[in-house]
Amino acid sequence: MSTSSLTLLLANPRGFCAGVERAIEIVERALAKYGPPVYVRHEIVHNRFVVDSLESKGAIFVDEVSEVPDDVPVIFSAHGVPKDVPEEAAKRELLYIDATCPLVSKVHREAERHHRNGRQVVLIGHRGHPEVIGTMGQLPEGAILLVETIEDARTITVEDPDKLAYATQTTLSVDDTAGIVEALQERFPGIEGPAREDICYATTNRQQAVKEIAGQCDALLVVGAPNSSNSQRLVEVAQRSGCPYACLIERATDIPWDRLQDISTVGITAGASAPEALVEEVIDAFRARFERVQVELNDQTRENVHFKLPRLLAETDAA
């Protein structure tokens, strides 16, 4: 590998979104208010660095509410949970705090409204993702049908073609989802969609920022977790937008140096649950290997979204 000069092109916006910031702050404020341990059902956000950091402060992550002892607070992750999870917590009289991203909660409320209005809901999303499990768990079994691909949209069996609505996971590829929606609308002209699209502002903005720089890069690195849907989509967007090589890395130690031979420009972005500290770590790793590193910021959109904290914690300072 050349050790002379390199340009790092930083996509912006990148990294934490307002829903992730809110979820992390909820855990920190709960620790400050109630003292450790505070239990969290599932990873609060999909990032090991964040989870490890909160564990060091006294958070304990579990898979199910049944693993939470009596008389300690439990927090539900930003991805949202099926209705039976808070019901179980309430039955046990546990103090529970819901850190579901408000934009995911919006999808939940939409699904409920369509169900009340007698419409079957088609959910566009990835099977097994916590957000999809949470959304499907808002309604009785069969009330929501999952569609992952255009082929699914063309072949899915519905109860009544005239009484349908669709919703989407918030972290999908904007372009892929548009194709699936088009296939659904072609087949079911009366299908009702959301008043405002379900793919969240942060997912859309981060994908657009990658599109802007992808064609200028020899390679593009996405800092994020393998189980992070929005991070995986950024890799796909980079590949489709003209970048010769794109990959996902969790930390600087994952940089595939052998794939970065004879390069002059590397793009860097981060998924919505990846902290800026990890981006800085990656930049430092390049600076250690190259004599001259020029960092350029490709500024696309300024985000100023903030979500309110639950009233229970609003007056508490974070630890």
Protein backbone atom coordinates (compact mmCIF):
# COMPACT_ATOMS: atom_id res chain seq x y z
CA MET A 1 0.00 0.00 0.00
CA SER A 2 1.16 3.50 -0.79
CA THR A 3 2.03 5.49 2.30
CA SER A 4 2.11 8.87 0.57
CA SER A 5 -1.08 10.95 0.36
CA LEU A 6 -4.76 10.19 0.74
CA THR A 7 -8.01 12.13 0.71
CA LEU A 8 -10.72 11.10 3.13
CA LEU A 9 -14.15 12.26 2.01
CA LEU A 10 -16.52 12.41 4.98
CA ALA A 11 -20.23 12.09 4.22
CA ASN A 12 -22.49 14.38 6.20
CA PRO A 13 -24.95 13.78 7.78
CA ARG A 14 -23.61 10.55 9.27
CA GLY A 15 -23.75 8.78 12.62
CA PHE A 16 -26.23 9.27 15.44
CA CYS A 17 -29.80 10.26 14.63
CA ALA A 18 -32.23 11.90 17.06
CA GLY A 19 -33.92 8.57 17.92
CA VAL A 20 -30.61 6.95 18.84
CA GLU A 21 -29.49 9.97 20.89
CA ARG A 22 -32.81 9.90 22.76
CA ALA A 23 -32.59 6.15 23.47
CA ILE A 24 -29.04 6.39 24.85
CA GLU A 25 -29.98 9.41 26.96
CA ILE A 26 -32.96 7.51 28.37
CA VAL A 27 -30.64 4.76 29.65
CA GLU A 28 -28.16 7.29 31.08
CA ARG A 29 -30.87 9.31 32.82
CA ALA A 30 -32.50 6.17 34.21
CA LEU A 31 -29.13 5.13 35.67
CA ALA A 32 -28.76 8.59 37.22
CA LYS A 33 -32.30 8.59 38.65
CA TYR A 34 -32.65 5.00 39.86
CA GLY A 35 -29.03 3.92 40.20
CA PRO A 36 -27.62 0.74 38.68
CA PRO A 37 -28.60 -1.79 37.66
CA VAL A 38 -31.08 -0.68 35.00
CA TYR A 39 -32.18 -3.47 32.68
CA VAL A 40 -32.59 -3.04 28.93
CA ARG A 41 -34.52 -5.48 26.74
CA HIS A 42 -32.35 -6.11 23.66
CA GLU A 43 -29.52 -3.83 22.52
CA ILE A 44 -30.74 -0.25 23.07
CA VAL A 45 -29.35 0.51 19.60
CA HIS A 46 -27.40 -1.71 17.21
CA ASN A 47 -23.86 -0.81 18.18
CA ARG A 48 -21.52 -2.86 20.37
CA PHE A 49 -19.41 0.16 21.38
CA VAL A 50 -22.52 1.94 22.70
CA VAL A 51 -23.79 -1.17 24.47
CA ASP A 52 -20.39 -1.81 26.12
CA SER A 53 -20.23 1.81 27.25
CA LEU A 54 -23.67 1.63 28.89
CA GLU A 55 -22.84 -1.73 30.47
CA SER A 56 -19.78 -0.13 32.10
CA LYS A 57 -22.16 2.41 33.70
CA GLY A 58 -24.49 -0.26 35.10
CA ALA A 59 -26.93 -1.19 32.33
CA ILE A 60 -27.73 -4.89 31.96
CA PHE A 61 -28.95 -6.10 28.57
CA VAL A 62 -31.29 -9.08 28.37
CA ASP A 63 -33.27 -10.81 25.64
CA GLU A 64 -36.65 -10.92 27.36
CA VAL A 65 -38.58 -9.21 30.17
CA SER A 66 -38.75 -12.60 31.95
CA GLU A 67 -35.01 -12.17 32.70
CA VAL A 68 -35.59 -8.89 34.55
CA PRO A 69 -35.72 -9.21 38.37
CA ASP A 70 -38.55 -7.65 40.35
CA ASP A 71 -38.25 -4.05 41.55
CA VAL A 72 -35.75 -2.78 38.95
CA PRO A 73 -36.48 -0.52 35.96
CA VAL A 74 -36.50 -1.99 32.44
CA ILE A 75 -36.09 -0.04 29.21
CA PHE A 76 -37.34 -1.11 25.78
CA SER A 77 -34.98 -0.54 22.85
CA ALA A 78 -35.24 2.14 20.16
CA HIS A 79 -36.48 -0.43 17.62
CA GLY A 80 -39.84 -0.87 19.32
CA VAL A 81 -41.46 -3.94 20.88
CA PRO A 82 -44.59 -6.07 20.31
CA LYS A 83 -47.56 -5.13 22.49
CA ASP A 84 -47.21 -8.23 24.65
CA VAL A 85 -43.86 -6.96 26.01
CA PRO A 86 -45.19 -3.91 27.94
CA GLU A 87 -48.22 -6.01 28.87
CA GLU A 88 -45.94 -8.57 30.52
CA ALA A 89 -44.00 -5.81 32.31
CA ALA A 90 -47.23 -4.23 33.56
CA LYS A 91 -48.53 -7.59 34.77
CA ARG A 92 -45.37 -7.96 36.86
CA GLU A 93 -45.70 -4.34 38.04
CA LEU A 94 -42.25 -3.49 36.70
CA LEU A 95 -41.32 0.13 36.11
CA TYR A 96 -40.78 0.19 32.35
CA ILE A 97 -39.60 3.01 30.13
CA ASP A 98 -40.17 2.88 26.38
CA ALA A 99 -37.22 4.17 24.33
CA THR A 100 -38.88 3.34 21.00
CA CYS A 101 -37.93 5.93 18.38
CA PRO A 102 -40.94 8.27 17.87
CA LEU A 103 -40.71 7.65 14.12
CA VAL A 104 -41.12 3.90 14.72
CA SER A 105 -44.03 4.61 17.09
CA LYS A 106 -45.61 6.61 14.25
CA VAL A 107 -45.58 3.45 12.08
CA HIS A 108 -47.17 1.49 14.95
CA ARG A 109 -50.00 4.04 15.24
CA GLU A 110 -50.54 4.00 11.45
CA ALA A 111 -50.86 0.21 11.47
CA GLU A 112 -53.39 0.38 14.29
CA ARG A 113 -55.42 3.04 12.45
CA HIS A 114 -55.55 0.98 9.26
CA HIS A 115 -56.62 -2.08 11.27
CA ARG A 116 -59.42 -0.10 12.94
CA ASN A 117 -60.55 1.01 9.50
CA GLY A 118 -60.79 -2.60 8.32
CA ARG A 119 -57.65 -2.60 6.17
CA GLN A 120 -55.08 -5.38 6.08
CA VAL A 121 -51.56 -3.93 6.37
CA VAL A 122 -48.69 -4.82 4.06
CA LEU A 123 -45.42 -4.11 5.86
CA ILE A 124 -42.31 -3.61 3.72
CA GLY A 125 -39.32 -4.70 5.77
CA HIS A 126 -36.70 -7.33 6.65
CA ARG A 127 -37.93 -10.50 8.33
CA GLY A 128 -36.49 -10.99 11.81
CA HIS A 129 -35.40 -7.38 12.31
CA PRO A 130 -36.45 -6.13 15.78
CA GLU A 131 -38.34 -3.19 14.29
CA VAL A 132 -40.38 -5.48 12.03
CA ILE A 133 -41.09 -7.87 14.92
CA GLY A 134 -42.23 -4.88 17.01
CA THR A 135 -44.49 -3.45 14.29
CA MET A 136 -46.08 -6.81 13.44
CA GLY A 137 -46.62 -7.36 17.15
CA GLN A 138 -48.93 -4.33 17.38
CA LEU A 139 -51.80 -6.19 15.70
CA PRO A 140 -53.36 -9.68 15.84
CA GLU A 141 -51.69 -12.40 13.79
CA GLY A 142 -52.53 -12.14 10.09
CA ALA A 143 -53.45 -8.46 10.25
CA ILE A 144 -50.00 -7.54 8.89
CA LEU A 145 -48.37 -9.24 5.88
CA LEU A 146 -44.60 -8.90 5.44
CA VAL A 147 -43.16 -8.08 2.02
CA GLU A 148 -39.38 -8.06 1.51
CA THR A 149 -38.98 -7.87 -2.28
CA ILE A 150 -40.71 -6.77 -5.47
CA GLU A 151 -41.36 -10.46 -6.17
CA ASP A 152 -43.16 -10.74 -2.80
CA ALA A 153 -45.29 -7.72 -3.73
CA ARG A 154 -46.28 -9.38 -7.01
CA THR A 155 -47.24 -12.71 -5.46
CA ILE A 156 -48.58 -11.95 -1.96
CA THR A 157 -52.06 -13.27 -1.15
CA VAL A 158 -54.36 -10.74 0.54
CA GLU A 159 -57.81 -11.02 2.11
CA ASP A 160 -59.44 -8.17 0.15
CA PRO A 161 -57.54 -6.26 -2.58
CA ASP A 162 -59.78 -3.22 -1.99
CA LYS A 163 -59.03 -2.98 1.74
CA LEU A 164 -55.27 -2.68 1.93
CA ALA A 165 -52.69 -0.26 3.32
CA TYR A 166 -48.91 -0.36 3.39
CA ALA A 167 -46.29 0.73 5.89
CA THR A 168 -42.51 0.38 5.89
CA GLN A 169 -39.62 -0.28 8.22
CA THR A 170 -37.92 3.07 8.89
CA THR A 171 -34.38 2.01 7.90
CA LEU A 172 -34.84 0.63 4.37
CA SER A 173 -33.19 1.57 1.08
CA VAL A 174 -35.20 4.49 -0.30
CA ASP A 175 -34.76 3.26 -3.89
CA ASP A 176 -35.59 -0.41 -3.17
CA THR A 177 -38.68 0.57 -1.22
CA ALA A 178 -39.92 2.83 -4.03
CA GLY A 179 -39.77 -0.17 -6.39
CA ILE A 180 -41.75 -2.37 -3.99
CA VAL A 181 -44.37 0.35 -3.40
CA GLU A 182 -44.72 0.76 -7.18
CA ALA A 183 -45.31 -2.99 -7.57
CA LEU A 184 -47.95 -2.94 -4.82
CA GLN A 185 -49.73 0.10 -6.31
CA GLU A 186 -49.70 -1.49 -9.75
CA ARG A 187 -51.35 -4.63 -8.40
CA PHE A 188 -53.60 -2.95 -5.82
CA PRO A 189 -54.48 0.56 -7.12
CA GLY A 190 -56.57 1.34 -4.04
CA ILE A 191 -53.83 0.55 -1.50
CA GLU A 192 -53.48 3.32 1.06
CA GLY A 193 -50.03 4.64 2.02
CA PRO A 194 -48.74 6.77 4.88
CA ALA A 195 -49.45 10.51 4.84
CA ARG A 196 -45.68 11.00 5.11
CA GLU A 197 -43.29 8.22 4.13
CA ASP A 198 -42.21 5.86 6.90
CA ILE A 199 -38.51 5.72 5.99
CA CYS A 200 -37.06 8.12 8.52
CA TYR A 201 -35.36 11.43 7.76
CA ALA A 202 -32.00 10.13 9.05
CA THR A 203 -32.01 7.03 6.81
CA THR A 204 -32.94 9.15 3.78
CA ASN A 205 -30.34 11.84 4.53
CA ARG A 206 -27.50 9.36 5.13
CA GLN A 207 -28.26 7.50 1.91
CA GLN A 208 -28.36 10.75 -0.06
CA ALA A 209 -25.03 11.86 1.46
CA VAL A 210 -23.44 8.57 0.32
CA LYS A 211 -24.86 8.98 -3.20
CA GLU A 212 -23.19 12.40 -3.38
CA ILE A 213 -19.67 11.10 -2.68
CA ALA A 214 -19.75 7.50 -3.95
CA GLY A 215 -18.67 8.32 -7.50
CA GLN A 216 -15.66 10.32 -6.24
CA CYS A 217 -14.25 7.48 -4.10
CA ASP A 218 -11.95 4.53 -4.83
CA ALA A 219 -13.48 2.87 -1.77
CA LEU A 220 -16.08 3.72 0.85
CA LEU A 221 -16.22 2.51 4.45
CA VAL A 222 -19.44 2.48 6.46
CA VAL A 223 -18.88 2.49 10.22
CA GLY A 224 -21.66 0.46 11.79
CA ALA A 225 -22.76 -2.88 13.21
CA PRO A 226 -23.48 -5.99 11.08
CA ASN A 227 -27.01 -6.16 12.57
CA SER A 228 -27.71 -2.50 11.78
CA SER A 229 -30.17 -2.32 8.88
CA ASN A 230 -29.52 1.32 8.03
CA SER A 231 -25.74 0.71 7.99
CA GLN A 232 -26.08 -2.29 5.64
CA ARG A 233 -28.22 -0.18 3.30
CA LEU A 234 -25.46 2.49 3.13
CA VAL A 235 -23.03 -0.13 1.77
CA GLU A 236 -25.56 -1.11 -0.92
CA VAL A 237 -26.24 2.52 -1.83
CA ALA A 238 -22.49 3.19 -2.25
CA GLN A 239 -22.08 0.16 -4.51
CA ARG A 240 -25.03 1.15 -6.69
CA SER A 241 -23.90 4.77 -6.88
CA GLY A 242 -20.61 4.08 -8.61
CA CYS A 243 -18.17 3.29 -5.82
CA PRO A 244 -15.82 0.43 -6.90
CA TYR A 245 -15.58 -1.03 -3.38
CA ALA A 246 -17.70 -0.48 -0.26
CA CYS A 247 -17.83 -2.39 3.00
CA LEU A 248 -19.10 -2.26 6.56
CA ILE A 249 -16.66 -2.02 9.48
CA GLU A 250 -17.36 -1.92 13.21
CA ARG A 251 -14.02 -0.47 14.34
CA ALA A 252 -10.74 0.77 12.87
CA THR A 253 -9.29 -2.71 13.47
CA ASP A 254 -11.69 -3.99 10.78
CA ILE A 255 -10.34 -1.76 7.99
CA PRO A 256 -9.55 -4.12 5.06
CA TRP A 257 -6.11 -2.68 4.22
CA ASP A 258 -5.45 -5.41 1.64
CA ARG A 259 -8.46 -4.17 -0.38
CA LEU A 260 -7.26 -0.56 -0.24
CA GLN A 261 -4.11 -0.84 -2.39
CA ASP A 262 -3.16 2.09 -4.65
CA ILE A 263 -6.06 4.29 -3.65
CA SER A 264 -6.23 8.06 -3.48
CA THR A 265 -9.72 8.79 -2.14
CA VAL A 266 -11.67 6.93 0.55
CA GLY A 267 -15.21 7.84 1.54
CA ILE A 268 -16.29 7.44 5.17
CA THR A 269 -19.77 7.48 6.65
CA ALA A 270 -21.47 5.98 9.71
CA GLY A 271 -24.81 4.35 10.36
CA ALA A 272 -27.39 6.06 12.57
CA SER A 273 -26.33 4.12 15.68
CA ALA A 274 -22.55 4.58 15.29
CA PRO A 275 -20.91 7.25 17.50
CA GLU A 276 -18.59 9.85 16.00
CA ALA A 277 -15.77 8.54 18.22
CA LEU A 278 -15.57 5.48 15.95
CA VAL A 279 -15.31 7.66 12.84
CA GLU A 280 -12.44 9.58 14.50
CA GLU A 281 -10.79 6.25 15.30
CA VAL A 282 -10.93 5.28 11.60
CA ILE A 283 -9.50 8.64 10.52
CA ASP A 284 -6.65 8.24 13.03
CA ALA A 285 -5.89 4.77 11.61
CA PHE A 286 -5.47 6.25 8.12
CA ARG A 287 -3.31 9.05 9.49
CA ALA A 288 -1.04 6.44 11.08
CA ARG A 289 -0.51 4.70 7.71
CA PHE A 290 -0.29 7.62 5.29
CA GLU A 291 2.18 10.49 5.31
CA ARG A 292 -0.43 13.07 4.29
CA VAL A 293 -4.15 12.70 4.92
CA GLN A 294 -6.51 15.41 3.77
CA VAL A 295 -9.98 15.25 5.34
CA GLU A 296 -12.78 16.85 3.32
CA LEU A 297 -16.36 17.21 4.58
CA ASN A 298 -19.12 16.80 2.03
CA ASP A 299 -21.89 18.66 3.82
CA GLN A 300 -25.34 17.89 2.39
CA THR A 301 -28.06 18.50 4.96
CA ARG A 302 -28.05 20.00 8.43
CA GLU A 303 -30.20 18.00 10.83
CA ASN A 304 -31.83 19.73 13.77
CA VAL A 305 -34.34 17.08 14.87
CA HIS A 306 -34.76 16.51 18.61
CA PHE A 307 -37.23 14.20 20.33
CA LYS A 308 -38.68 14.77 23.77
CA LEU A 309 -37.71 12.42 26.59
CA PRO A 310 -40.34 10.46 28.53
CA ARG A 311 -41.87 12.70 31.22
CA LEU A 312 -40.56 10.31 33.88
CA LEU A 313 -36.97 11.27 33.01
CA ALA A 314 -37.33 14.77 31.57
CA GLU A 315 -36.18 16.49 34.77
CA THR A 316 -33.31 14.10 35.46
CA ASP A 317 -29.74 14.90 34.39
CA ALA A 318 -27.88 12.17 32.49
CA ALA A 319 -25.16 10.33 34.37
